[in-house]
Structure formats: C-alpha cells, structure tokens
Amino acid sequence: MDLILWRHADAENGSPDSARKLTELGQMQAGRVSIWLKPRLPEGCEILVSPTVRAQQTALALGMQFVTTPAVGIDASAVEVVAAAGWPTRPGTVVIVGHQPTLGRVAAMLLSGAEADWEFGKGALWWLVHTNGEVELRAAVDPELV
C-alpha cells in the first residue's frame, strides 16, 4: 500500500478556523506540489480530504475527484487517519490532505513505531510505502523545491 500525506498549503489567519482560505502563496504551493504529484499517482487512487476550506482548496489543485471526510480533519487523531486510510492492508494508493500536527504524528507512528510531533511544512507531502511488513519513505516533497 502507498500512503501519501499532504499537508494543506499556506492559509490566511482568521476565524472560524475551518473557513480559512489559501493565501496567494498557498495557491502557488498547492499548484507546484500537484504538478509534481498528479503524473505519479496511479489510476484509481483514493483521495481523502479534510472538510476545511484550506484542505479542500489544496486538493482541488490536483483536478481529481476526492472524498471529503472529518476522519482526516482538524480534530482527527493519528490513529483515526491511519484507520481512514486503511493502512496497511488497503490495496493501491491513498492520498490524505490534512493538517498538522496530525500528519506529523501519523508519519512518526508509521515510520518509527511511536507517535511523535514531527514537523510537516505547509504544502509538503510525504509518500510512504508498505511492502512485505516494512515501511519506507519513498518521497518527501516541499513546495519550494518543485
């Protein structure tokens, strides 16, 4: 199974938190990462997106269908995100567009075996692969580098 964790891009300050939109920088970050990601995604991959406006806008940059679910939203725990993804038994590829600190905790849990507050930059993604009981970091992409 492939699991891609993509943090929403840079968003404006404000309230309510769920309504915060991407900034101009955030739109550029989402666009850059989507240009890198889209040709690498296999057909039939599932994309699960937080219901927040900034996560929705980040996912829209891909131009692909996605499912909105609070299971990967701002109140989701690392365990809930992993369960929503079906890790590690779901066949194929799942993309999660979500939030910090949850995505960092998911990455830490899957790569090190313990939940920890690992930093995920705005708009960045980490591509994890589970094969034969092993977890590997296939790619870490920062929007400033693509």
Foldseek 3Di string as FASTA:
>chain_A
DKEKEWEFADWDDDPPPLATAHDPRRLLLLLLVLVVVLVVADPPEAEEFENRRRRVSSVVSNVDDYHYDNLQEPPHALVSVCVVQVPPPDPGYYYYYYHPPRSVQNVCCQQPVGGDRDDDHGRKMWMWHADPNDIDTPDIDGSVVD
